[in-house]
Amino acid sequence: MAHKVSDDCIKCGACASTCPTGCIKEGSTKYEVDASQCVDCGACEGACPTGAIKPE
């Protein structure tokens, strides 16, 4: 199960820098998780200062 970034994302990049698989990339309005590469480790969820990342 991949994680998903909500609209609460402030595009700080904390999630992308902690992702061990590099599957989080900056989108036009928020960061986005490539579900096909996500290993559901939860590192991004813990790094997000706004709580914008949750398991799908």
N, C-alpha and C. Protein backbone atom coordinates (compact mmCIF):
# COMPACT_ATOMS: atom_id res chain seq x y z
N MET A 1 0.85 -1.18 0.00
CA MET A 1 0.00 0.00 0.00
C MET A 1 0.89 1.24 0.00
N ALA A 2 0.72 2.10 -0.94
CA ALA A 2 1.52 3.32 -1.06
C ALA A 2 0.98 4.43 -0.17
N HIS A 3 1.77 5.45 0.01
CA HIS A 3 1.34 6.63 0.75
C HIS A 3 0.86 7.67 -0.25
N LYS A 4 0.02 8.58 0.23
CA LYS A 4 -0.53 9.62 -0.64
C LYS A 4 -0.34 10.97 0.04
N VAL A 5 -0.03 11.98 -0.76
CA VAL A 5 0.17 13.34 -0.27
C VAL A 5 -1.12 14.13 -0.47
N SER A 6 -1.62 14.73 0.61
CA SER A 6 -2.86 15.51 0.52
C SER A 6 -2.57 16.95 0.12
N ASP A 7 -3.62 17.72 -0.02
CA ASP A 7 -3.50 19.14 -0.37
C ASP A 7 -2.90 19.98 0.75
N ASP A 8 -2.67 19.38 1.91
CA ASP A 8 -2.03 20.09 3.02
C ASP A 8 -0.53 20.26 2.80
N CYS A 9 0.00 19.66 1.75
CA CYS A 9 1.43 19.73 1.42
C CYS A 9 1.86 21.17 1.18
N ILE A 10 2.97 21.56 1.80
CA ILE A 10 3.51 22.92 1.63
C ILE A 10 4.76 22.90 0.73
N LYS A 11 5.02 21.79 0.10
CA LYS A 11 6.15 21.63 -0.84
C LYS A 11 7.50 21.96 -0.22
N CYS A 12 7.72 21.49 1.02
CA CYS A 12 8.99 21.76 1.69
C CYS A 12 10.09 20.78 1.26
N GLY A 13 9.71 19.60 0.78
CA GLY A 13 10.68 18.62 0.31
C GLY A 13 11.19 17.66 1.37
N ALA A 14 10.72 17.79 2.59
CA ALA A 14 11.18 16.90 3.67
C ALA A 14 10.89 15.44 3.35
N CYS A 15 9.77 15.18 2.76
CA CYS A 15 9.39 13.80 2.43
C CYS A 15 10.32 13.20 1.38
N ALA A 16 10.60 13.97 0.35
CA ALA A 16 11.45 13.48 -0.74
C ALA A 16 12.86 13.18 -0.27
N SER A 17 13.36 14.00 0.63
CA SER A 17 14.73 13.80 1.10
C SER A 17 14.87 12.60 2.03
N THR A 18 13.76 12.13 2.62
CA THR A 18 13.83 10.97 3.51
C THR A 18 13.41 9.67 2.84
N CYS A 19 12.89 9.74 1.63
CA CYS A 19 12.40 8.54 0.95
C CYS A 19 13.57 7.65 0.50
N PRO A 20 13.64 6.40 0.99
CA PRO A 20 14.75 5.53 0.63
C PRO A 20 14.71 5.02 -0.82
N THR A 21 13.55 5.07 -1.45
CA THR A 21 13.45 4.60 -2.84
C THR A 21 13.43 5.74 -3.84
N GLY A 22 13.37 6.99 -3.37
CA GLY A 22 13.35 8.14 -4.26
C GLY A 22 12.09 8.24 -5.09
N CYS A 23 10.98 7.74 -4.56
CA CYS A 23 9.74 7.72 -5.33
C CYS A 23 8.86 8.94 -5.13
N ILE A 24 9.34 9.94 -4.40
CA ILE A 24 8.56 11.15 -4.17
C ILE A 24 9.17 12.29 -4.97
N LYS A 25 8.36 12.88 -5.82
CA LYS A 25 8.82 13.95 -6.70
C LYS A 25 7.92 15.17 -6.55
N GLU A 26 8.48 16.33 -6.84
CA GLU A 26 7.71 17.57 -6.75
C GLU A 26 6.74 17.67 -7.92
N GLY A 27 5.46 17.88 -7.61
CA GLY A 27 4.44 18.08 -8.63
C GLY A 27 4.14 19.56 -8.77
N SER A 28 3.14 19.89 -9.54
CA SER A 28 2.84 21.31 -9.78
C SER A 28 2.27 22.01 -8.54
N THR A 29 1.48 21.31 -7.73
CA THR A 29 0.90 21.95 -6.54
C THR A 29 1.31 21.29 -5.23
N LYS A 30 1.87 20.07 -5.31
CA LYS A 30 2.30 19.34 -4.11
C LYS A 30 3.25 18.23 -4.54
N TYR A 31 3.89 17.62 -3.56
CA TYR A 31 4.74 16.47 -3.87
C TYR A 31 3.85 15.26 -4.16
N GLU A 32 4.34 14.33 -4.96
CA GLU A 32 3.56 13.16 -5.34
C GLU A 32 4.38 11.90 -5.15
N VAL A 33 3.70 10.82 -4.72
CA VAL A 33 4.34 9.53 -4.49
C VAL A 33 4.06 8.62 -5.68
N ASP A 34 5.11 8.03 -6.24
CA ASP A 34 4.95 7.03 -7.30
C ASP A 34 4.61 5.71 -6.61
N ALA A 35 3.35 5.34 -6.64
CA ALA A 35 2.86 4.16 -5.92
C ALA A 35 3.54 2.87 -6.38
N SER A 36 4.01 2.82 -7.61
CA SER A 36 4.64 1.61 -8.12
C SER A 36 6.03 1.38 -7.50
N GLN A 37 6.63 2.43 -6.93
CA GLN A 37 7.95 2.31 -6.32
C GLN A 37 7.92 2.40 -4.79
N CYS A 38 6.80 2.84 -4.23
CA CYS A 38 6.68 3.00 -2.78
C CYS A 38 6.70 1.64 -2.09
N VAL A 39 7.54 1.52 -1.04
CA VAL A 39 7.63 0.27 -0.29
C VAL A 39 6.91 0.36 1.05
N ASP A 40 6.13 1.43 1.24
CA ASP A 40 5.29 1.62 2.43
C ASP A 40 6.09 1.61 3.73
N CYS A 41 7.27 2.24 3.71
CA CYS A 41 8.11 2.26 4.91
C CYS A 41 7.65 3.30 5.93
N GLY A 42 6.96 4.35 5.46
CA GLY A 42 6.45 5.38 6.36
C GLY A 42 7.43 6.48 6.70
N ALA A 43 8.63 6.46 6.13
CA ALA A 43 9.61 7.50 6.43
C ALA A 43 9.09 8.88 6.06
N CYS A 44 8.41 8.98 4.94
CA CYS A 44 7.87 10.27 4.49
C CYS A 44 6.80 10.79 5.43
N GLU A 45 5.98 9.89 5.91
CA GLU A 45 4.89 10.29 6.81
C GLU A 45 5.45 10.92 8.08
N GLY A 46 6.50 10.34 8.62
CA GLY A 46 7.11 10.87 9.83
C GLY A 46 7.86 12.17 9.60
N ALA A 47 8.34 12.39 8.37
CA ALA A 47 9.12 13.59 8.06
C ALA A 47 8.26 14.80 7.73
N CYS A 48 7.02 14.58 7.39
CA CYS A 48 6.16 15.68 6.94
C CYS A 48 5.73 16.57 8.11
N PRO A 49 6.08 17.87 8.06
CA PRO A 49 5.74 18.76 9.16
C PRO A 49 4.26 19.11 9.26
N THR A 50 3.50 18.89 8.19
CA THR A 50 2.09 19.25 8.22
C THR A 50 1.17 18.03 8.31
N GLY A 51 1.73 16.84 8.32
CA GLY A 51 0.91 15.63 8.40
C GLY A 51 0.14 15.38 7.11
N ALA A 52 0.68 15.85 5.99
CA ALA A 52 -0.01 15.74 4.71
C ALA A 52 0.11 14.37 4.04
N ILE A 53 0.93 13.48 4.62
CA ILE A 53 1.15 12.18 4.00
C ILE A 53 0.53 11.08 4.86
N LYS A 54 -0.29 10.28 4.23
CA LYS A 54 -0.98 9.18 4.92
C LYS A 54 -0.97 7.94 4.02
N PRO A 55 -1.09 6.75 4.62
CA PRO A 55 -1.22 5.54 3.79
C PRO A 55 -2.51 5.60 2.99
N GLU A 56 -2.47 5.09 1.76
CA GLU A 56 -3.69 5.05 0.94
C GLU A 56 -4.60 3.95 1.41
